[in-house]
PDB file of all heavy atoms in Angstrom:
ATOM      1  N   ASP A   1    -135.379 -30.257   9.501  1.00  0.00           N
ATOM      2  CA  ASP A   1    -136.264 -30.755  10.547  1.00  0.00           C
ATOM      3  C   ASP A   1    -135.856 -32.181  10.911  1.00  0.00           C
ATOM      4  O   ASP A   1    -134.805 -32.670  10.477  1.00  0.00           O
ATOM      5  CB  ASP A   1    -137.731 -30.658  10.120  1.00  0.00           C
ATOM      6  CG  ASP A   1    -138.094 -31.557   8.943  1.00  0.00           C
ATOM      7  OD1 ASP A   1    -137.241 -32.368   8.494  1.00  0.00           O
ATOM      8  OD2 ASP A   1    -139.237 -31.464   8.475  1.00  0.00           O
ATOM      9  N   CYS A   2    -136.688 -32.843  11.711  1.00  0.00           N
ATOM     10  CA  CYS A   2    -136.344 -34.182  12.176  1.00  0.00           C
ATOM     11  C   CYS A   2    -136.212 -35.179  11.023  1.00  0.00           C
ATOM     12  O   CYS A   2    -135.407 -36.108  11.100  1.00  0.00           O
ATOM     13  CB  CYS A   2    -137.346 -34.665  13.207  1.00  0.00           C
ATOM     14  SG  CYS A   2    -139.024 -34.786  12.606  1.00  0.00           S
ATOM     15  N   CYS A   3    -136.950 -34.987   9.950  1.00  0.00           N
ATOM     16  CA  CYS A   3    -136.818 -35.883   8.791  1.00  0.00           C
ATOM     17  C   CYS A   3    -135.450 -35.711   8.133  1.00  0.00           C
ATOM     18  O   CYS A   3    -134.837 -36.688   7.699  1.00  0.00           O
ATOM     19  CB  CYS A   3    -137.924 -35.616   7.781  1.00  0.00           C
ATOM     20  SG  CYS A   3    -139.542 -36.103   8.380  1.00  0.00           S
ATOM     21  N   GLY A   4    -134.964 -34.473   8.065  1.00  0.00           N
ATOM     22  CA  GLY A   4    -133.636 -34.214   7.518  1.00  0.00           C
ATOM     23  C   GLY A   4    -132.550 -34.811   8.389  1.00  0.00           C
ATOM     24  O   GLY A   4    -131.585 -35.417   7.901  1.00  0.00           O
ATOM     25  N   VAL A   5    -132.689 -34.680   9.706  1.00  0.00           N
ATOM     26  CA  VAL A   5    -131.715 -35.263  10.631  1.00  0.00           C
ATOM     27  C   VAL A   5    -131.756 -36.784  10.534  1.00  0.00           C
ATOM     28  O   VAL A   5    -130.713 -37.441  10.551  1.00  0.00           O
ATOM     29  CB  VAL A   5    -131.966 -34.779  12.077  1.00  0.00           C
ATOM     30  CG1 VAL A   5    -131.099 -35.533  13.064  1.00  0.00           C
ATOM     31  CG2 VAL A   5    -131.701 -33.289  12.190  1.00  0.00           C
ATOM     32  N   SER A   6    -132.944 -37.334  10.416  1.00  0.00           N
ATOM     33  CA  SER A   6    -133.076 -38.779  10.256  1.00  0.00           C
ATOM     34  C   SER A   6    -132.355 -39.254   8.995  1.00  0.00           C
ATOM     35  O   SER A   6    -131.683 -40.293   8.998  1.00  0.00           O
ATOM     36  CB  SER A   6    -134.552 -39.161  10.206  1.00  0.00           C
ATOM     37  OG  SER A   6    -134.699 -40.539   9.999  1.00  0.00           O
ATOM     38  N   MET A   7    -132.480 -38.483   7.910  1.00  0.00           N
ATOM     39  CA  MET A   7    -131.792 -38.811   6.667  1.00  0.00           C
ATOM     40  C   MET A   7    -130.267 -38.797   6.879  1.00  0.00           C
ATOM     41  O   MET A   7    -129.554 -39.682   6.404  1.00  0.00           O
ATOM     42  CB  MET A   7    -132.165 -37.826   5.568  1.00  0.00           C
ATOM     43  CG  MET A   7    -131.453 -38.051   4.250  1.00  0.00           C
ATOM     44  SD  MET A   7    -131.684 -36.694   3.087  1.00  0.00           S
ATOM     45  CE  MET A   7    -130.711 -35.406   3.867  1.00  0.00           C
ATOM     46  N   LEU A   8    -129.765 -37.798   7.606  1.00  0.00           N
ATOM     47  CA  LEU A   8    -128.328 -37.729   7.896  1.00  0.00           C
ATOM     48  C   LEU A   8    -127.882 -38.936   8.714  1.00  0.00           C
ATOM     49  O   LEU A   8    -126.841 -39.542   8.435  1.00  0.00           O
ATOM     50  CB  LEU A   8    -127.987 -36.441   8.639  1.00  0.00           C
ATOM     51  CG  LEU A   8    -128.182 -35.129   7.893  1.00  0.00           C
ATOM     52  CD1 LEU A   8    -127.864 -33.946   8.815  1.00  0.00           C
ATOM     53  CD2 LEU A   8    -127.340 -35.075   6.636  1.00  0.00           C
ATOM     54  N   CYS A   9    -128.678 -39.298   9.722  1.00  0.00           N
ATOM     55  CA  CYS A   9    -128.325 -40.441  10.571  1.00  0.00           C
ATOM     56  C   CYS A   9    -128.353 -41.753   9.787  1.00  0.00           C
ATOM     57  O   CYS A   9    -127.473 -42.599   9.953  1.00  0.00           O
ATOM     58  CB  CYS A   9    -129.259 -40.514  11.767  1.00  0.00           C
ATOM     59  SG  CYS A   9    -129.004 -39.179  12.959  1.00  0.00           S
ATOM     60  N   ARG A  10    -129.357 -41.926   8.946  1.00  0.00           N
ATOM     61  CA  ARG A  10    -129.435 -43.135   8.117  1.00  0.00           C
ATOM     62  C   ARG A  10    -128.222 -43.220   7.191  1.00  0.00           C
ATOM     63  O   ARG A  10    -127.616 -44.278   7.040  1.00  0.00           O
ATOM     64  CB  ARG A  10    -130.719 -43.146   7.298  1.00  0.00           C
ATOM     65  CG  ARG A  10    -130.823 -44.323   6.341  1.00  0.00           C
ATOM     66  CD  ARG A  10    -132.121 -44.292   5.539  1.00  0.00           C
ATOM     67  NE  ARG A  10    -132.121 -45.249   4.459  1.00  0.00           N
ATOM     68  CZ  ARG A  10    -132.380 -46.551   4.593  1.00  0.00           C
ATOM     69  NH1 ARG A  10    -132.661 -47.049   5.775  1.00  0.00           N
ATOM     70  NH2 ARG A  10    -132.352 -47.350   3.539  1.00  0.00           N
ATOM     71  N   THR A  11    -127.856 -42.095   6.604  1.00  0.00           N
ATOM     72  CA  THR A  11    -126.690 -42.066   5.713  1.00  0.00           C
ATOM     73  C   THR A  11    -125.428 -42.426   6.487  1.00  0.00           C
ATOM     74  O   THR A  11    -124.589 -43.197   6.006  1.00  0.00           O
ATOM     75  CB  THR A  11    -126.571 -40.680   5.051  1.00  0.00           C
ATOM     76  OG1 THR A  11    -127.779 -40.401   4.339  1.00  0.00           O
ATOM     77  CG2 THR A  11    -125.388 -40.625   4.094  1.00  0.00           C
ATOM     78  N   ARG A  12    -125.287 -41.902   7.697  1.00  0.00           N
ATOM     79  CA  ARG A  12    -124.123 -42.219   8.535  1.00  0.00           C
ATOM     80  C   ARG A  12    -124.091 -43.711   8.866  1.00  0.00           C
ATOM     81  O   ARG A  12    -123.057 -44.366   8.737  1.00  0.00           O
ATOM     82  CB  ARG A  12    -124.137 -41.389   9.819  1.00  0.00           C
ATOM     83  CG  ARG A  12    -122.938 -41.651  10.722  1.00  0.00           C
ATOM     84  CD  ARG A  12    -122.991 -40.840  12.004  1.00  0.00           C
ATOM     85  NE  ARG A  12    -124.220 -40.984  12.746  1.00  0.00           N
ATOM     86  CZ  ARG A  12    -124.472 -41.968  13.623  1.00  0.00           C
ATOM     87  NH1 ARG A  12    -123.572 -42.899  13.861  1.00  0.00           N
ATOM     88  NH2 ARG A  12    -125.615 -42.021  14.255  1.00  0.00           N
ATOM     89  N   ARG A  13    -125.220 -44.262   9.290  1.00  0.00           N
ATOM     90  CA  ARG A  13    -125.275 -45.692   9.639  1.00  0.00           C
ATOM     91  C   ARG A  13    -124.933 -46.575   8.439  1.00  0.00           C
ATOM     92  O   ARG A  13    -124.177 -47.536   8.561  1.00  0.00           O
ATOM     93  CB  ARG A  13    -126.657 -46.063  10.181  1.00  0.00           C
ATOM     94  CG  ARG A  13    -126.909 -45.644  11.602  1.00  0.00           C
ATOM     95  CD  ARG A  13    -128.170 -46.279  12.163  1.00  0.00           C
ATOM     96  NE  ARG A  13    -129.336 -46.107  11.298  1.00  0.00           N
ATOM     97  CZ  ARG A  13    -130.162 -45.078  11.342  1.00  0.00           C
ATOM     98  NH1 ARG A  13    -129.960 -44.112  12.199  1.00  0.00           N
ATOM     99  NH2 ARG A  13    -131.202 -45.012  10.519  1.00  0.00           N
ATOM    100  N   ARG A  14    -125.500 -46.266   7.282  1.00  0.00           N
ATOM    101  CA  ARG A  14    -125.236 -47.063   6.080  1.00  0.00           C
ATOM    102  C   ARG A  14    -123.762 -46.970   5.667  1.00  0.00           C
ATOM    103  O   ARG A  14    -123.165 -47.952   5.252  1.00  0.00           O
ATOM    104  CB  ARG A  14    -126.140 -46.634   4.931  1.00  0.00           C
ATOM    105  CG  ARG A  14    -127.594 -47.053   5.113  1.00  0.00           C
ATOM    106  CD  ARG A  14    -128.464 -46.582   3.967  1.00  0.00           C
ATOM    107  NE  ARG A  14    -128.000 -46.992   2.667  1.00  0.00           N
ATOM    108  CZ  ARG A  14    -128.300 -48.144   2.064  1.00  0.00           C
ATOM    109  NH1 ARG A  14    -129.090 -49.006   2.663  1.00  0.00           N
ATOM    110  NH2 ARG A  14    -127.833 -48.407   0.859  1.00  0.00           N
ATOM    111  N   THR A  15    -123.192 -45.791   5.792  1.00  0.00           N
ATOM    112  CA  THR A  15    -121.784 -45.606   5.442  1.00  0.00           C
ATOM    113  C   THR A  15    -120.893 -46.411   6.374  1.00  0.00           C
ATOM    114  O   THR A  15    -119.983 -47.124   5.929  1.00  0.00           O
ATOM    115  CB  THR A  15    -121.418 -44.115   5.497  1.00  0.00           C
ATOM    116  OG1 THR A  15    -122.264 -43.390   4.606  1.00  0.00           O
ATOM    117  CG2 THR A  15    -119.970 -43.887   5.114  1.00  0.00           C
ATOM    118  N   GLU A  16    -121.141 -46.312   7.673  1.00  0.00           N
ATOM    119  CA  GLU A  16    -120.332 -47.046   8.645  1.00  0.00           C
ATOM    120  C   GLU A  16    -120.490 -48.552   8.482  1.00  0.00           C
ATOM    121  O   GLU A  16    -119.526 -49.301   8.646  1.00  0.00           O
ATOM    122  CB  GLU A  16    -120.690 -46.613  10.061  1.00  0.00           C
ATOM    123  CG  GLU A  16    -120.231 -45.201  10.376  1.00  0.00           C
ATOM    124  CD  GLU A  16    -120.701 -44.710  11.728  1.00  0.00           C
ATOM    125  OE1 GLU A  16    -121.488 -45.413  12.409  1.00  0.00           O
ATOM    126  OE2 GLU A  16    -120.276 -43.611  12.119  1.00  0.00           O
ATOM    127  N   ALA A  17    -121.704 -49.019   8.171  1.00  0.00           N
ATOM    128  CA  ALA A  17    -121.948 -50.452   8.003  1.00  0.00           C
ATOM    129  C   ALA A  17    -121.165 -51.031   6.828  1.00  0.00           C
ATOM    130  O   ALA A  17    -120.887 -52.229   6.798  1.00  0.00           O
ATOM    131  CB  ALA A  17    -123.441 -50.716   7.804  1.00  0.00           C
ATOM    132  N   ARG A  18    -120.784 -50.173   5.880  1.00  0.00           N
ATOM    133  CA  ARG A  18    -120.030 -50.618   4.714  1.00  0.00           C
ATOM    134  C   ARG A  18    -118.575 -50.174   4.767  1.00  0.00           C
ATOM    135  O   ARG A  18    -117.910 -50.046   3.753  1.00  0.00           O
ATOM    136  CB  ARG A  18    -120.710 -50.129   3.439  1.00  0.00           C
ATOM    137  CG  ARG A  18    -122.010 -50.885   3.184  1.00  0.00           C
ATOM    138  CD  ARG A  18    -122.946 -50.160   2.280  1.00  0.00           C
ATOM    139  NE  ARG A  18    -124.195 -50.881   2.077  1.00  0.00           N
ATOM    140  CZ  ARG A  18    -125.218 -50.872   2.938  1.00  0.00           C
ATOM    141  NH1 ARG A  18    -125.135 -50.199   4.056  1.00  0.00           N
ATOM    142  NH2 ARG A  18    -126.324 -51.531   2.678  1.00  0.00           N
ATOM    143  N   ALA A  19    -118.104 -49.919   5.984  1.00  0.00           N
ATOM    144  CA  ALA A  19    -116.712 -49.521   6.238  1.00  0.00           C
ATOM    145  C   ALA A  19    -116.320 -48.291   5.433  1.00  0.00           C
ATOM    146  O   ALA A  19    -115.198 -48.169   4.943  1.00  0.00           O
ATOM    147  CB  ALA A  19    -115.758 -50.685   5.947  1.00  0.00           C
ATOM    148  N   GLY A  20    -117.259 -47.359   5.302  1.00  0.00           N
ATOM    149  CA  GLY A  20    -117.002 -46.129   4.566  1.00  0.00           C
ATOM    150  C   GLY A  20    -116.815 -44.947   5.493  1.00  0.00           C
ATOM    151  O   GLY A  20    -116.623 -45.107   6.704  1.00  0.00           O
ATOM    152  N   ARG A  21    -116.883 -43.759   4.904  1.00  0.00           N
ATOM    153  CA  ARG A  21    -116.671 -42.534   5.661  1.00  0.00           C
ATOM    154  C   ARG A  21    -117.653 -41.466   5.187  1.00  0.00           C
ATOM    155  O   ARG A  21    -117.808 -41.238   3.988  1.00  0.00           O
ATOM    156  CB  ARG A  21    -115.242 -42.049   5.461  1.00  0.00           C
ATOM    157  CG  ARG A  21    -114.906 -40.857   6.321  1.00  0.00           C
ATOM    158  CD  ARG A  21    -113.435 -40.573   6.288  1.00  0.00           C
ATOM    159  NE  ARG A  21    -113.168 -39.450   7.163  1.00  0.00           N
ATOM    160  CZ  ARG A  21    -112.074 -38.729   7.122  1.00  0.00           C
ATOM    161  NH1 ARG A  21    -111.126 -39.027   6.250  1.00  0.00           N
ATOM    162  NH2 ARG A  21    -111.898 -37.728   7.941  1.00  0.00           N
ATOM    163  N   LEU A  22    -118.305 -40.824   6.153  1.00  0.00           N
ATOM    164  CA  LEU A  22    -119.206 -39.710   5.885  1.00  0.00           C
ATOM    165  C   LEU A  22    -118.692 -38.506   6.662  1.00  0.00           C
ATOM    166  O   LEU A  22    -118.374 -38.611   7.834  1.00  0.00           O
ATOM    167  CB  LEU A  22    -120.635 -40.029   6.339  1.00  0.00           C
ATOM    168  CG  LEU A  22    -121.600 -38.843   6.355  1.00  0.00           C
ATOM    169  CD1 LEU A  22    -121.881 -38.350   4.937  1.00  0.00           C
ATOM    170  CD2 LEU A  22    -122.888 -39.207   7.068  1.00  0.00           C
ATOM    171  N   ARG A  23    -118.605 -37.375   5.966  1.00  0.00           N
ATOM    172  CA  ARG A  23    -118.252 -36.117   6.618  1.00  0.00           C
ATOM    173  C   ARG A  23    -119.299 -35.075   6.282  1.00  0.00           C
ATOM    174  O   ARG A  23    -119.844 -35.081   5.181  1.00  0.00           O
ATOM    175  CB  ARG A  23    -116.883 -35.629   6.144  1.00  0.00           C
ATOM    176  CG  ARG A  23    -115.768 -36.392   6.825  1.00  0.00           C
ATOM    177  CD  ARG A  23    -114.618 -36.724   5.944  1.00  0.00           C
ATOM    178  NE  ARG A  23    -115.032 -37.410   4.717  1.00  0.00           N
ATOM    179  CZ  ARG A  23    -114.233 -37.584   3.712  1.00  0.00           C
ATOM    180  NH1 ARG A  23    -113.027 -37.134   3.745  1.00  0.00           N
ATOM    181  NH2 ARG A  23    -114.638 -38.205   2.637  1.00  0.00           N
ATOM    182  N   LEU A  24    -119.568 -34.193   7.225  1.00  0.00           N
ATOM    183  CA  LEU A  24    -120.435 -33.050   6.984  1.00  0.00           C
ATOM    184  C   LEU A  24    -119.557 -31.825   6.849  1.00  0.00           C
ATOM    185  O   LEU A  24    -118.715 -31.564   7.709  1.00  0.00           O
ATOM    186  CB  LEU A  24    -121.419 -32.839   8.134  1.00  0.00           C
ATOM    187  CG  LEU A  24    -122.405 -33.962   8.420  1.00  0.00           C
ATOM    188  CD1 LEU A  24    -123.335 -33.565   9.568  1.00  0.00           C
ATOM    189  CD2 LEU A  24    -123.206 -34.320   7.187  1.00  0.00           C
ATOM    190  N   ALA A  25    -119.747 -31.082   5.782  1.00  0.00           N
ATOM    191  CA  ALA A  25    -119.001 -29.837   5.561  1.00  0.00           C
ATOM    192  C   ALA A  25    -119.969 -28.671   5.685  1.00  0.00           C
ATOM    193  O   ALA A  25    -121.151 -28.794   5.365  1.00  0.00           O
ATOM    194  CB  ALA A  25    -118.356 -29.834   4.176  1.00  0.00           C
ATOM    195  N   GLY A  26    -119.471 -27.540   6.153  1.00  0.00           N
ATOM    196  CA  GLY A  26    -120.264 -26.328   6.205  1.00  0.00           C
ATOM    197  C   GLY A  26    -121.243 -26.240   7.356  1.00  0.00           C
ATOM    198  O   GLY A  26    -122.126 -25.393   7.346  1.00  0.00           O
ATOM    199  N   VAL A  27    -121.096 -27.073   8.366  1.00  0.00           N
ATOM    200  CA  VAL A  27    -122.023 -27.044   9.494  1.00  0.00           C
ATOM    201  C   VAL A  27    -121.959 -25.691  10.207  1.00  0.00           C
ATOM    202  O   VAL A  27    -122.991 -25.127  10.575  1.00  0.00           O
ATOM    203  CB  VAL A  27    -121.749 -28.207  10.477  1.00  0.00           C
ATOM    204  CG1 VAL A  27    -122.591 -28.077  11.733  1.00  0.00           C
ATOM    205  CG2 VAL A  27    -122.005 -29.541   9.793  1.00  0.00           C
ATOM    206  N   ALA A  28    -120.777 -25.138  10.373  1.00  0.00           N
ATOM    207  CA  ALA A  28    -120.641 -23.847  11.054  1.00  0.00           C
ATOM    208  C   ALA A  28    -121.291 -22.718  10.274  1.00  0.00           C
ATOM    209  O   ALA A  28    -121.713 -21.717  10.851  1.00  0.00           O
ATOM    210  CB  ALA A  28    -119.162 -23.521  11.289  1.00  0.00           C
ATOM    211  N   GLU A  29    -121.416 -22.871   8.947  1.00  0.00           N
ATOM    212  CA  GLU A  29    -122.017 -21.843   8.104  1.00  0.00           C
ATOM    213  C   GLU A  29    -123.524 -22.008   7.967  1.00  0.00           C
ATOM    214  O   GLU A  29    -124.183 -21.197   7.334  1.00  0.00           O
ATOM    215  CB  GLU A  29    -121.372 -21.835   6.706  1.00  0.00           C
ATOM    216  CG  GLU A  29    -119.940 -21.354   6.701  1.00  0.00           C
ATOM    217  CD  GLU A  29    -118.959 -22.484   6.977  1.00  0.00           C
ATOM    218  OE1 GLU A  29    -119.383 -23.654   7.113  1.00  0.00           O
ATOM    219  OE2 GLU A  29    -117.759 -22.205   7.073  1.00  0.00           O
ATOM    220  N   SER A  30    -124.084 -23.060   8.548  1.00  0.00           N
ATOM    221  CA  SER A  30    -125.529 -23.305   8.487  1.00  0.00           C
ATOM    222  C   SER A  30    -126.087 -23.322   9.913  1.00  0.00           C
ATOM    223  O   SER A  30    -126.121 -24.374  10.554  1.00  0.00           O
ATOM    224  CB  SER A  30    -125.826 -24.637   7.793  1.00  0.00           C
ATOM    225  OG  SER A  30    -127.216 -24.876   7.789  1.00  0.00           O
ATOM    226  N   PRO A  31    -126.518 -22.170  10.399  1.00  0.00           N
ATOM    227  CA  PRO A  31    -127.006 -22.105  11.781  1.00  0.00           C
ATOM    228  C   PRO A  31    -128.132 -23.095  12.072  1.00  0.00           C
ATOM    229  O   PRO A  31    -128.198 -23.651  13.173  1.00  0.00           O
ATOM    230  CB  PRO A  31    -127.511 -20.666  11.927  1.00  0.00           C
ATOM    231  CG  PRO A  31    -126.806 -19.897  10.863  1.00  0.00           C
ATOM    232  CD  PRO A  31    -126.562 -20.859   9.738  1.00  0.00           C
ATOM    233  N   SER A  32    -129.005 -23.361  11.118  1.00  0.00           N
ATOM    234  CA  SER A  32    -130.115 -24.282  11.377  1.00  0.00           C
ATOM    235  C   SER A  32    -129.615 -25.713  11.581  1.00  0.00           C
ATOM    236  O   SER A  32    -130.087 -26.419  12.472  1.00  0.00           O
ATOM    237  CB  SER A  32    -131.145 -24.226  10.252  1.00  0.00           C
ATOM    238  OG  SER A  32    -130.567 -24.577   9.022  1.00  0.00           O
ATOM    239  N   VAL A  33    -128.650 -26.143  10.773  1.00  0.00           N
ATOM    240  CA  VAL A  33    -128.100 -27.495  10.924  1.00  0.00           C
ATOM    241  C   VAL A  33    -127.315 -27.587  12.228  1.00  0.00           C
ATOM    242  O   VAL A  33    -127.499 -28.532  13.010  1.00  0.00           O
ATOM    243  CB  VAL A  33    -127.221 -27.878   9.718  1.00  0.00           C
ATOM    244  CG1 VAL A  33    -126.545 -29.226   9.950  1.00  0.00           C
ATOM    245  CG2 VAL A  33    -128.040 -27.906   8.440  1.00  0.00           C
ATOM    246  N   LEU A  34    -126.462 -26.612  12.482  1.00  0.00           N
ATOM    247  CA  LEU A  34    -125.658 -26.618  13.701  1.00  0.00           C
ATOM    248  C   LEU A  34    -126.553 -26.652  14.935  1.00  0.00           C
ATOM    249  O   LEU A  34    -126.339 -27.446  15.855  1.00  0.00           O
ATOM    250  CB  LEU A  34    -124.744 -25.387  13.732  1.00  0.00           C
ATOM    251  CG  LEU A  34    -123.855 -25.241  14.956  1.00  0.00           C
ATOM    252  CD1 LEU A  34    -122.889 -26.413  15.073  1.00  0.00           C
ATOM    253  CD2 LEU A  34    -123.086 -23.928  14.889  1.00  0.00           C
ATOM    254  N   ARG A  35    -127.565 -25.822  14.961  1.00  0.00           N
ATOM    255  CA  ARG A  35    -128.451 -25.734  16.116  1.00  0.00           C
ATOM    256  C   ARG A  35    -129.179 -27.057  16.340  1.00  0.00           C
ATOM    257  O   ARG A  35    -129.240 -27.560  17.473  1.00  0.00           O
ATOM    258  CB  ARG A  35    -129.466 -24.611  15.930  1.00  0.00           C
ATOM    259  CG  ARG A  35    -130.362 -24.387  17.132  1.00  0.00           C
ATOM    260  CD  ARG A  35    -131.239 -23.135  16.927  1.00  0.00           C
ATOM    261  NE  ARG A  35    -131.855 -22.706  18.144  1.00  0.00           N
ATOM    262  CZ  ARG A  35    -132.944 -23.250  18.679  1.00  0.00           C
ATOM    263  NH1 ARG A  35    -133.509 -24.265  18.077  1.00  0.00           N
ATOM    264  NH2 ARG A  35    -133.460 -22.797  19.789  1.00  0.00           N
ATOM    265  N   LEU A  36    -129.729 -27.659  15.293  1.00  0.00           N
ATOM    266  CA  LEU A  36    -130.486 -28.893  15.463  1.00  0.00           C
ATOM    267  C   LEU A  36    -129.583 -30.062  15.862  1.00  0.00           C
ATOM    268  O   LEU A  36    -129.959 -30.883  16.702  1.00  0.00           O
ATOM    269  CB  LEU A  36    -131.279 -29.229  14.203  1.00  0.00           C
ATOM    270  CG  LEU A  36    -132.364 -30.294  14.386  1.00  0.00           C
ATOM    271  CD1 LEU A  36    -133.318 -29.954  15.519  1.00  0.00           C
ATOM    272  CD2 LEU A  36    -133.130 -30.484  13.100  1.00  0.00           C
ATOM    273  N   LEU A  37    -128.388 -30.137  15.294  1.00  0.00           N
ATOM    274  CA  LEU A  37    -127.468 -31.206  15.691  1.00  0.00           C
ATOM    275  C   LEU A  37    -127.055 -31.042  17.150  1.00  0.00           C
ATOM    276  O   LEU A  37    -126.890 -32.031  17.871  1.00  0.00           O
ATOM    277  CB  LEU A  37    -126.245 -31.235  14.773  1.00  0.00           C
ATOM    278  CG  LEU A  37    -126.504 -31.722  13.347  1.00  0.00           C
ATOM    279  CD1 LEU A  37    -125.227 -31.669  12.523  1.00  0.00           C
ATOM    280  CD2 LEU A  37    -127.093 -33.127  13.333  1.00  0.00           C
ATOM    281  N   ARG A  38    -126.889 -29.799  17.599  1.00  0.00           N
ATOM    282  CA  ARG A  38    -126.570 -29.560  19.013  1.00  0.00           C
ATOM    283  C   ARG A  38    -127.752 -29.916  19.911  1.00  0.00           C
ATOM    284  O   ARG A  38    -127.583 -30.561  20.941  1.00  0.00           O
ATOM    285  CB  ARG A  38    -126.176 -28.108  19.235  1.00  0.00           C
ATOM    286  CG  ARG A  38    -124.768 -27.808  18.843  1.00  0.00           C
ATOM    287  CD  ARG A  38    -124.399 -26.401  19.223  1.00  0.00           C
ATOM    288  NE  ARG A  38    -122.987 -26.173  18.992  1.00  0.00           N
ATOM    289  CZ  ARG A  38    -122.476 -24.999  18.720  1.00  0.00           C
ATOM    290  NH1 ARG A  38    -123.246 -23.935  18.645  1.00  0.00           N
ATOM    291  NH2 ARG A  38    -121.185 -24.867  18.533  1.00  0.00           N
ATOM    292  N   LEU A  39    -128.946 -29.464  19.541  1.00  0.00           N
ATOM    293  CA  LEU A  39    -130.135 -29.723  20.365  1.00  0.00           C
ATOM    294  C   LEU A  39    -130.411 -31.210  20.515  1.00  0.00           C
ATOM    295  O   LEU A  39    -130.858 -31.663  21.575  1.00  0.00           O
ATOM    296  CB  LEU A  39    -131.361 -29.041  19.756  1.00  0.00           C
ATOM    297  CG  LEU A  39    -131.460 -27.536  19.918  1.00  0.00           C
ATOM    298  CD1 LEU A  39    -132.607 -26.976  19.091  1.00  0.00           C
ATOM    299  CD2 LEU A  39    -131.653 -27.177  21.393  1.00  0.00           C
ATOM    300  N   THR A  40    -130.153 -31.975  19.478  1.00  0.00           N
ATOM    301  CA  THR A  40    -130.418 -33.416  19.508  1.00  0.00           C
ATOM    302  C   THR A  40    -129.252 -34.209  20.094  1.00  0.00           C
ATOM    303  O   THR A  40    -129.372 -35.421  20.289  1.00  0.00           O
ATOM    304  CB  THR A  40    -130.711 -33.945  18.094  1.00  0.00           C
ATOM    305  OG1 THR A  40    -129.595 -33.644  17.246  1.00  0.00           O
ATOM    306  CG2 THR A  40    -131.990 -33.337  17.540  1.00  0.00           C
ATOM    307  N   GLY A  41    -128.135 -33.544  20.346  1.00  0.00           N
ATOM    308  CA  GLY A  41    -126.961 -34.245  20.865  1.00  0.00           C
ATOM    309  C   GLY A  41    -126.230 -35.046  19.803  1.00  0.00           C
ATOM    310  O   GLY A  41    -125.399 -35.894  20.121  1.00  0.00           O
ATOM    311  N   LEU A  42    -126.521 -34.782  18.541  1.00  0.00           N
ATOM    312  CA  LEU A  42    -125.926 -35.558  17.452  1.00  0.00           C
ATOM    313  C   LEU A  42    -124.685 -34.916  16.841  1.00  0.00           C
ATOM    314  O   LEU A  42    -124.069 -35.513  15.962  1.00  0.00           O
ATOM    315  CB  LEU A  42    -126.967 -35.794  16.351  1.00  0.00           C
ATOM    316  CG  LEU A  42    -128.080 -36.755  16.723  1.00  0.00           C
ATOM    317  CD1 LEU A  42    -129.183 -36.722  15.668  1.00  0.00           C
ATOM    318  CD2 LEU A  42    -127.532 -38.163  16.897  1.00  0.00           C
ATOM    319  N   LEU A  43    -124.309 -33.738  17.281  1.00  0.00           N
ATOM    320  CA  LEU A  43    -123.170 -33.057  16.673  1.00  0.00           C
ATOM    321  C   LEU A  43    -121.911 -33.918  16.741  1.00  0.00           C
ATOM    322  O   LEU A  43    -121.171 -34.038  15.768  1.00  0.00           O
ATOM    323  CB  LEU A  43    -122.932 -31.704  17.341  1.00  0.00           C
ATOM    324  CG  LEU A  43    -121.903 -30.803  16.690  1.00  0.00           C
ATOM    325  CD1 LEU A  43    -122.336 -30.433  15.272  1.00  0.00           C
ATOM    326  CD2 LEU A  43    -121.703 -29.548  17.518  1.00  0.00           C
ATOM    327  N   SER A  44    -121.697 -34.577  17.865  1.00  0.00           N
ATOM    328  CA  SER A  44    -120.482 -35.394  18.014  1.00  0.00           C
ATOM    329  C   SER A  44    -120.573 -36.726  17.267  1.00  0.00           C
ATOM    330  O   SER A  44    -119.576 -37.441  17.162  1.00  0.00           O
ATOM    331  CB  SER A  44    -120.196 -35.641  19.491  1.00  0.00           C
ATOM    332  OG  SER A  44    -121.251 -36.373  20.069  1.00  0.00           O
TER     333      SER A  44
END
């Protein structure tokens, strides 16, 4: 849900702020994650 997406975004921001790297694996195998990231425009 939106709290889970918020957690992903916070993790991405914190990683980038510390010159790190975050990758998501298995998005294509999780229809709920793929769908919500697409609906919110956050997939890219």
